[in-house]
C-alpha atoms as a PDB file:
ATOM      1  CA  UNK A   1      -7.563  13.768 -12.687  1.00  0.00           C
ATOM      2  CA  UNK A   2      -5.701  16.717 -11.165  1.00  0.00           C
ATOM      3  CA  UNK A   3      -3.858  15.765  -7.986  1.00  0.00           C
ATOM      4  CA  UNK A   4      -5.055  17.361  -4.747  1.00  0.00           C
ATOM      5  CA  UNK A   5      -2.251  17.452  -2.194  1.00  0.00           C
ATOM      6  CA  UNK A   6      -3.020  16.948   1.506  1.00  0.00           C
ATOM      7  CA  UNK A   7      -2.607  19.434   4.335  1.00  0.00           C
ATOM      8  CA  UNK A   8      -0.053  18.100   6.789  1.00  0.00           C
ATOM      9  CA  UNK A   9       1.208  18.521  10.309  1.00  0.00           C
ATOM     10  CA  UNK A  10       4.509  16.951  11.309  1.00  0.00           C
ATOM     11  CA  UNK A  11       5.092  14.802  14.389  1.00  0.00           C
ATOM     12  CA  UNK A  12       8.574  15.305  15.754  1.00  0.00           C
ATOM     13  CA  UNK A  13       9.346  17.319  12.611  1.00  0.00           C
ATOM     14  CA  UNK A  14       9.626  14.063  10.650  1.00  0.00           C
ATOM     15  CA  UNK A  15       6.420  11.994  10.530  1.00  0.00           C
ATOM     16  CA  UNK A  16       3.696  13.481   8.305  1.00  0.00           C
ATOM     17  CA  UNK A  17       0.218  13.608   9.857  1.00  0.00           C
ATOM     18  CA  UNK A  18      -2.878  14.187   7.747  1.00  0.00           C
ATOM     19  CA  UNK A  19      -4.911  17.123   9.018  1.00  0.00           C
ATOM     20  CA  UNK A  20      -7.985  15.791   7.228  1.00  0.00           C
ATOM     21  CA  UNK A  21      -7.839  12.360   8.870  1.00  0.00           C
ATOM     22  CA  UNK A  22      -5.841  13.263  11.998  1.00  0.00           C
ATOM     23  CA  UNK A  23      -3.651  10.210  11.473  1.00  0.00           C
ATOM     24  CA  UNK A  24       0.083   9.689  10.762  1.00  0.00           C
ATOM     25  CA  UNK A  25       1.212   8.317   7.421  1.00  0.00           C
ATOM     26  CA  UNK A  26       3.251   5.582   9.059  1.00  0.00           C
ATOM     27  CA  UNK A  27       4.149   4.145  12.459  1.00  0.00           C
ATOM     28  CA  UNK A  28       5.631   6.620  14.897  1.00  0.00           C
ATOM     29  CA  UNK A  29       7.948   3.814  16.049  1.00  0.00           C
ATOM     30  CA  UNK A  30       9.475   2.846  12.691  1.00  0.00           C
ATOM     31  CA  UNK A  31       7.557   3.149   9.453  1.00  0.00           C
ATOM     32  CA  UNK A  32      10.030   1.035   7.493  1.00  0.00           C
ATOM     33  CA  UNK A  33       9.909  -1.911   9.880  1.00  0.00           C
ATOM     34  CA  UNK A  34       6.123  -1.621   9.976  1.00  0.00           C
ATOM     35  CA  UNK A  35       6.028  -1.947   6.176  1.00  0.00           C
ATOM     36  CA  UNK A  36       8.326  -4.967   6.297  1.00  0.00           C
ATOM     37  CA  UNK A  37       6.221  -6.715   8.957  1.00  0.00           C
ATOM     38  CA  UNK A  38       2.674  -5.834   7.944  1.00  0.00           C
ATOM     39  CA  UNK A  39       2.906  -5.833   4.172  1.00  0.00           C
ATOM     40  CA  UNK A  40       5.918  -7.820   3.001  1.00  0.00           C
ATOM     41  CA  UNK A  41       6.280 -10.575   5.592  1.00  0.00           C
ATOM     42  CA  UNK A  42       2.548 -11.065   6.110  1.00  0.00           C
ATOM     43  CA  UNK A  43       2.087 -11.438   2.330  1.00  0.00           C
ATOM     44  CA  UNK A  44       4.880 -14.016   2.213  1.00  0.00           C
ATOM     45  CA  UNK A  45       7.346 -11.704   0.494  1.00  0.00           C
ATOM     46  CA  UNK A  46      10.019 -11.938  -0.763  1.00  0.00           C
ATOM     47  CA  UNK A  47       9.498 -15.732  -0.935  1.00  0.00           C
ATOM     48  CA  UNK A  48       6.616 -15.263  -3.406  1.00  0.00           C
ATOM     49  CA  UNK A  49       8.566 -13.047  -5.780  1.00  0.00           C
ATOM     50  CA  UNK A  50       8.409 -14.306  -9.346  1.00  0.00           C
ATOM     51  CA  UNK A  51       8.284 -12.883 -12.845  1.00  0.00           C
ATOM     52  CA  UNK A  52       4.946 -11.163 -13.415  1.00  0.00           C
ATOM     53  CA  UNK A  53       3.957 -10.844  -9.740  1.00  0.00           C
ATOM     54  CA  UNK A  54       1.403  -8.090  -9.217  1.00  0.00           C
ATOM     55  CA  UNK A  55       1.074  -6.091  -6.000  1.00  0.00           C
ATOM     56  CA  UNK A  56      -1.654  -3.510  -5.423  1.00  0.00           C
ATOM     57  CA  UNK A  57      -2.137  -1.035  -2.621  1.00  0.00           C
ATOM     58  CA  UNK A  58      -4.821   1.202  -1.177  1.00  0.00           C
ATOM     59  CA  UNK A  59      -3.028   4.310   0.062  1.00  0.00           C
ATOM     60  CA  UNK A  60       0.366   5.161  -1.454  1.00  0.00           C
ATOM     61  CA  UNK A  61       1.134   7.755   1.222  1.00  0.00           C
ATOM     62  CA  UNK A  62       4.845   8.499   1.371  1.00  0.00           C
ATOM     63  CA  UNK A  63       5.675   5.445  -0.716  1.00  0.00           C
ATOM     64  CA  UNK A  64       7.328   3.487   2.113  1.00  0.00           C
ATOM     65  CA  UNK A  65       5.572   0.226   1.255  1.00  0.00           C
ATOM     66  CA  UNK A  66       6.520   0.552  -2.388  1.00  0.00           C
ATOM     67  CA  UNK A  67      10.142   1.471  -1.699  1.00  0.00           C
ATOM     68  CA  UNK A  68      10.524  -1.344   0.829  1.00  0.00           C
ATOM     69  CA  UNK A  69       9.127  -3.764  -1.757  1.00  0.00           C
ATOM     70  CA  UNK A  70      11.386  -2.374  -4.474  1.00  0.00           C
ATOM     71  CA  UNK A  71      14.428  -2.810  -2.244  1.00  0.00           C
ATOM     72  CA  UNK A  72      13.446  -6.393  -1.364  1.00  0.00           C
ATOM     73  CA  UNK A  73      12.892  -7.208  -5.041  1.00  0.00           C
ATOM     74  CA  UNK A  74      16.295  -5.871  -6.028  1.00  0.00           C
ATOM     75  CA  UNK A  75      18.053  -7.677  -3.185  1.00  0.00           C
ATOM     76  CA  UNK A  76      16.337 -10.978  -4.023  1.00  0.00           C
ATOM     77  CA  UNK A  77      17.974 -11.166  -7.451  1.00  0.00           C
ATOM     78  CA  UNK A  78      14.648 -12.173  -8.978  1.00  0.00           C
ATOM     79  CA  UNK A  79      14.564 -11.828 -12.752  1.00  0.00           C
ATOM     80  CA  UNK A  80      11.548 -10.632 -14.700  1.00  0.00           C
ATOM     81  CA  UNK A  81       8.956  -7.952 -14.076  1.00  0.00           C
ATOM     82  CA  UNK A  82       7.190  -6.826 -10.891  1.00  0.00           C
ATOM     83  CA  UNK A  83       3.996  -4.813 -11.271  1.00  0.00           C
ATOM     84  CA  UNK A  84       2.977  -2.459  -8.449  1.00  0.00           C
ATOM     85  CA  UNK A  85      -0.291  -0.505  -8.621  1.00  0.00           C
ATOM     86  CA  UNK A  86      -1.270   1.999  -5.950  1.00  0.00           C
ATOM     87  CA  UNK A  87      -4.466   3.979  -5.388  1.00  0.00           C
ATOM     88  CA  UNK A  88      -4.094   7.368  -3.725  1.00  0.00           C
ATOM     89  CA  UNK A  89      -6.595  10.210  -3.378  1.00  0.00           C
ATOM     90  CA  UNK A  90      -4.201  12.847  -2.042  1.00  0.00           C
ATOM     91  CA  UNK A  91      -0.617  12.471  -3.311  1.00  0.00           C
ATOM     92  CA  UNK A  92       2.064  14.387  -1.448  1.00  0.00           C
ATOM     93  CA  UNK A  93       3.871  17.326  -2.956  1.00  0.00           C
ATOM     94  CA  UNK A  94       7.449  16.649  -3.940  1.00  0.00           C
ATOM     95  CA  UNK A  95       8.695  18.782  -1.036  1.00  0.00           C
ATOM     96  CA  UNK A  96       6.591  16.850   1.482  1.00  0.00           C
ATOM     97  CA  UNK A  97       7.682  13.543  -0.060  1.00  0.00           C
ATOM     98  CA  UNK A  98      11.329  14.506   0.421  1.00  0.00           C
ATOM     99  CA  UNK A  99      10.709  15.439   4.040  1.00  0.00           C
ATOM    100  CA  UNK A 100       8.686  12.295   4.778  1.00  0.00           C
ATOM    101  CA  UNK A 101      11.359   9.962   3.382  1.00  0.00           C
ATOM    102  CA  UNK A 102      14.383  11.763   4.829  1.00  0.00           C
ATOM    103  CA  UNK A 103      14.606   9.661   8.045  1.00  0.00           C
ATOM    104  CA  UNK A 104      15.057   6.378   6.147  1.00  0.00           C
ATOM    105  CA  UNK A 105      18.717   6.214   5.206  1.00  0.00           C
ATOM    106  CA  UNK A 106      18.569   2.539   4.248  1.00  0.00           C
ATOM    107  CA  UNK A 107      16.325   3.298   1.260  1.00  0.00           C
ATOM    108  CA  UNK A 108      17.776   6.731   0.476  1.00  0.00           C
ATOM    109  CA  UNK A 109      19.029   5.930  -3.070  1.00  0.00           C
ATOM    110  CA  UNK A 110      15.657   4.440  -4.068  1.00  0.00           C
ATOM    111  CA  UNK A 111      13.801   7.287  -2.385  1.00  0.00           C
ATOM    112  CA  UNK A 112      15.851   9.780  -4.395  1.00  0.00           C
ATOM    113  CA  UNK A 113      14.889   7.970  -7.612  1.00  0.00           C
ATOM    114  CA  UNK A 114      11.230   8.252  -6.671  1.00  0.00           C
ATOM    115  CA  UNK A 115      11.575  11.911  -5.733  1.00  0.00           C
ATOM    116  CA  UNK A 116      13.315  12.674  -9.032  1.00  0.00           C
ATOM    117  CA  UNK A 117      10.514  10.999 -10.975  1.00  0.00           C
ATOM    118  CA  UNK A 118       7.667  12.309  -8.819  1.00  0.00           C
ATOM    119  CA  UNK A 119       6.465  15.059 -11.159  1.00  0.00           C
ATOM    120  CA  UNK A 120       6.347  12.673 -14.120  1.00  0.00           C
ATOM    121  CA  UNK A 121       4.592  10.035 -12.012  1.00  0.00           C
ATOM    122  CA  UNK A 122       1.875  12.498 -11.020  1.00  0.00           C
ATOM    123  CA  UNK A 123       1.517  13.590 -14.627  1.00  0.00           C
ATOM    124  CA  UNK A 124       1.535  10.190 -16.341  1.00  0.00           C
ATOM    125  CA  UNK A 125       0.632   7.762 -13.570  1.00  0.00           C
ATOM    126  CA  UNK A 126       3.638   5.588 -14.506  1.00  0.00           C
ATOM    127  CA  UNK A 127       7.173   5.175 -13.144  1.00  0.00           C
ATOM    128  CA  UNK A 128       9.818   2.506 -13.670  1.00  0.00           C
ATOM    129  CA  UNK A 129      12.905   1.459 -11.747  1.00  0.00           C
ATOM    130  CA  UNK A 130      14.789  -1.399 -13.373  1.00  0.00           C
ATOM    131  CA  UNK A 131      12.276  -4.216 -13.801  1.00  0.00           C
ATOM    132  CA  UNK A 132       9.749  -2.803 -11.302  1.00  0.00           C
ATOM    133  CA  UNK A 133       6.825  -0.888 -12.781  1.00  0.00           C
ATOM    134  CA  UNK A 134       4.736   1.447 -10.627  1.00  0.00           C
ATOM    135  CA  UNK A 135       1.341   2.777 -11.630  1.00  0.00           C
ATOM    136  CA  UNK A 136      -0.263   5.451  -9.450  1.00  0.00           C
ATOM    137  CA  UNK A 137      -4.022   5.803  -9.747  1.00  0.00           C
ATOM    138  CA  UNK A 138      -4.951   9.221  -8.393  1.00  0.00           C
ATOM    139  CA  UNK A 139      -8.433   9.838  -7.043  1.00  0.00           C
ATOM    140  CA  UNK A 140     -11.077   8.237  -4.864  1.00  0.00           C
ATOM    141  CA  UNK A 141     -10.397   4.479  -4.872  1.00  0.00           C
ATOM    142  CA  UNK A 142     -14.152   3.830  -4.875  1.00  0.00           C
ATOM    143  CA  UNK A 143     -14.060   5.240  -8.411  1.00  0.00           C
ATOM    144  CA  UNK A 144     -10.582   4.332  -9.650  1.00  0.00           C
ATOM    145  CA  UNK A 145     -10.393   0.718  -8.458  1.00  0.00           C
ATOM    146  CA  UNK A 146     -13.521  -0.506 -10.289  1.00  0.00           C
ATOM    147  CA  UNK A 147     -12.001   0.948 -13.482  1.00  0.00           C
ATOM    148  CA  UNK A 148      -8.680  -0.848 -12.995  1.00  0.00           C
ATOM    149  CA  UNK A 149      -8.115  -3.698 -15.450  1.00  0.00           C
ATOM    150  CA  UNK A 150      -5.536  -5.547 -13.387  1.00  0.00           C
ATOM    151  CA  UNK A 151      -5.586  -8.192 -10.675  1.00  0.00           C
ATOM    152  CA  UNK A 152      -3.106  -8.499  -7.849  1.00  0.00           C
ATOM    153  CA  UNK A 153      -1.416 -11.451  -6.206  1.00  0.00           C
ATOM    154  CA  UNK A 154      -0.889  -9.360  -3.062  1.00  0.00           C
ATOM    155  CA  UNK A 155      -2.767  -6.397  -1.618  1.00  0.00           C
ATOM    156  CA  UNK A 156      -1.469  -3.835   0.844  1.00  0.00           C
ATOM    157  CA  UNK A 157      -4.490  -2.252   2.570  1.00  0.00           C
ATOM    158  CA  UNK A 158      -2.920   0.839   4.072  1.00  0.00           C
ATOM    159  CA  UNK A 159      -5.533   3.561   4.288  1.00  0.00           C
ATOM    160  CA  UNK A 160      -5.790   5.807   7.308  1.00  0.00           C
ATOM    161  CA  UNK A 161      -7.406   4.418  10.462  1.00  0.00           C
ATOM    162  CA  UNK A 162     -10.837   2.856   9.783  1.00  0.00           C
ATOM    163  CA  UNK A 163     -12.254   5.037  12.553  1.00  0.00           C
ATOM    164  CA  UNK A 164     -11.069   8.186  10.746  1.00  0.00           C
ATOM    165  CA  UNK A 165     -11.198   7.136   7.083  1.00  0.00           C
ATOM    166  CA  UNK A 166     -14.086   4.607   6.938  1.00  0.00           C
ATOM    167  CA  UNK A 167     -14.653   5.102   3.196  1.00  0.00           C
ATOM    168  CA  UNK A 168     -11.494   3.172   2.358  1.00  0.00           C
ATOM    169  CA  UNK A 169     -12.672   0.159   4.382  1.00  0.00           C
ATOM    170  CA  UNK A 170     -16.301  -0.068   3.349  1.00  0.00           C
ATOM    171  CA  UNK A 171     -17.883  -3.283   2.095  1.00  0.00           C
ATOM    172  CA  UNK A 172     -18.271  -2.284  -1.558  1.00  0.00           C
ATOM    173  CA  UNK A 173     -14.635  -1.247  -1.911  1.00  0.00           C
ATOM    174  CA  UNK A 174     -13.314  -4.406  -0.240  1.00  0.00           C
ATOM    175  CA  UNK A 175     -15.527  -6.414  -2.577  1.00  0.00           C
ATOM    176  CA  UNK A 176     -13.702  -4.693  -5.427  1.00  0.00           C
ATOM    177  CA  UNK A 177     -10.403  -5.659  -3.804  1.00  0.00           C
ATOM    178  CA  UNK A 178     -11.590  -9.284  -3.761  1.00  0.00           C
ATOM    179  CA  UNK A 179     -12.637  -9.127  -7.421  1.00  0.00           C
ATOM    180  CA  UNK A 180      -9.244  -7.651  -8.330  1.00  0.00           C
ATOM    181  CA  UNK A 181      -7.333 -10.398  -6.493  1.00  0.00           C
ATOM    182  CA  UNK A 182      -5.946 -13.456  -8.244  1.00  0.00           C
ATOM    183  CA  UNK A 183      -6.890 -16.886  -6.905  1.00  0.00           C
ATOM    184  CA  UNK A 184      -4.559 -17.813  -4.032  1.00  0.00           C
ATOM    185  CA  UNK A 185      -3.917 -14.096  -3.588  1.00  0.00           C
ATOM    186  CA  UNK A 186      -3.507 -12.383  -0.223  1.00  0.00           C
ATOM    187  CA  UNK A 187      -4.314  -9.057   1.382  1.00  0.00           C
ATOM    188  CA  UNK A 188      -2.850  -7.678   4.600  1.00  0.00           C
ATOM    189  CA  UNK A 189      -3.480  -4.651   6.769  1.00  0.00           C
ATOM    190  CA  UNK A 190      -2.274  -3.226  10.061  1.00  0.00           C
ATOM    191  CA  UNK A 191      -5.830  -2.996  11.422  1.00  0.00           C
ATOM    192  CA  UNK A 192      -7.767  -5.729  13.191  1.00  0.00           C
ATOM    193  CA  UNK A 193     -10.979  -3.678  13.421  1.00  0.00           C
ATOM    194  CA  UNK A 194     -13.977  -5.986  13.596  1.00  0.00           C
ATOM    195  CA  UNK A 195     -15.985  -4.389  10.815  1.00  0.00           C
ATOM    196  CA  UNK A 196     -12.989  -4.461   8.454  1.00  0.00           C
ATOM    197  CA  UNK A 197     -12.557  -8.170   9.112  1.00  0.00           C
ATOM    198  CA  UNK A 198     -16.270  -8.759   8.552  1.00  0.00           C
ATOM    199  CA  UNK A 199     -16.248  -6.771   5.308  1.00  0.00           C
ATOM    200  CA  UNK A 200     -13.293  -8.803   4.049  1.00  0.00           C
ATOM    201  CA  UNK A 201     -15.060 -12.036   4.976  1.00  0.00           C
ATOM    202  CA  UNK A 202     -18.303 -10.899   3.342  1.00  0.00           C
ATOM    203  CA  UNK A 203     -16.311 -10.057   0.201  1.00  0.00           C
ATOM    204  CA  UNK A 204     -15.174 -13.688   0.030  1.00  0.00           C
ATOM    205  CA  UNK A 205     -11.781 -13.751   1.742  1.00  0.00           C
ATOM    206  CA  UNK A 206     -10.636 -16.222   4.366  1.00  0.00           C
ATOM    207  CA  UNK A 207      -9.593 -13.929   7.215  1.00  0.00           C
ATOM    208  CA  UNK A 208      -7.295 -14.490  10.173  1.00  0.00           C
ATOM    209  CA  UNK A 209      -5.741 -12.379  12.875  1.00  0.00           C
ATOM    210  CA  UNK A 210      -1.966 -12.164  13.123  1.00  0.00           C
ATOM    211  CA  UNK A 211       0.580 -10.543  15.404  1.00  0.00           C
ATOM    212  CA  UNK A 212       0.688  -6.804  14.826  1.00  0.00           C
ATOM    213  CA  UNK A 213       3.600  -4.415  14.693  1.00  0.00           C
ATOM    214  CA  UNK A 214       4.753  -2.211  17.561  1.00  0.00           C
ATOM    215  CA  UNK A 215       1.929  -1.066  19.797  1.00  0.00           C
ATOM    216  CA  UNK A 216      -0.672  -2.835  17.693  1.00  0.00           C
ATOM    217  CA  UNK A 217      -1.248  -6.289  19.178  1.00  0.00           C
ATOM    218  CA  UNK A 218      -2.981  -7.670  16.113  1.00  0.00           C
ATOM    219  CA  UNK A 219      -3.295  -7.176  12.366  1.00  0.00           C
ATOM    220  CA  UNK A 220      -5.305  -8.895   9.628  1.00  0.00           C
ATOM    221  CA  UNK A 221      -4.332 -11.334   6.888  1.00  0.00           C
ATOM    222  CA  UNK A 222      -6.864 -12.305   4.201  1.00  0.00           C
ATOM    223  CA  UNK A 223      -6.644 -15.011   1.544  1.00  0.00           C
ATOM    224  CA  UNK A 224      -8.601 -15.795  -1.597  1.00  0.00           C
ATOM    225  CA  UNK A 225      -8.954 -19.520  -2.204  1.00  0.00           C
ATOM    226  CA  UNK A 226      -8.394 -21.096  -5.606  1.00  0.00           C
ATOM    227  CA  UNK A 227     -12.071 -22.101  -5.840  1.00  0.00           C
ATOM    228  CA  UNK A 228     -13.497 -18.736  -4.808  1.00  0.00           C
ATOM    229  CA  UNK A 229     -15.569 -17.505  -7.746  1.00  0.00           C
ATOM    230  CA  UNK A 230     -16.170 -13.875  -8.447  1.00  0.00           C
END
């Protein structure tokens, strides 16, 4: 599928804001720390790193979650392969990706690798850095996720605000997330919206509220039990 890039505004000349969804791509306070808190720590990473671990994500955005995970994997010294699959309807242009990642000096070398491989990633859907393999599934996740053959041990649910992008939080799609989650797998998201929590529960997850990041008091952590049948 041909990539359709988003129209952006910029908050403070640094944070990309989707014109379509009127929502920033990451926390205005600190997108990197938000990724570490909401997606890595809440999913028990890096403690759960092991050969063959699979992470999947709704909403690649500027790639902060992926790059933060890649950095943590490399620093952990874990041997083996990490699989990371992301689903994104509107991938950034290379120029916008560069601008969006510029504030994050701590991941600058990894960000440059991603930028250098961006054109090939959009063309092939595949990118590799050391023993970390990224697949980018471009298009509406309601179409691309049901076609995905994989299952994830961890999910990052990072679409735009449920109030502004409800399609990425609807019951049918979260049921697909549940189906594509390994037993004992987890899913985390920055939102604690009631209908998102209910849709996750209806899909089959055990759902709990956790401490949020920054101005968000709460976030959501979901777990799939070992006896939960699809």
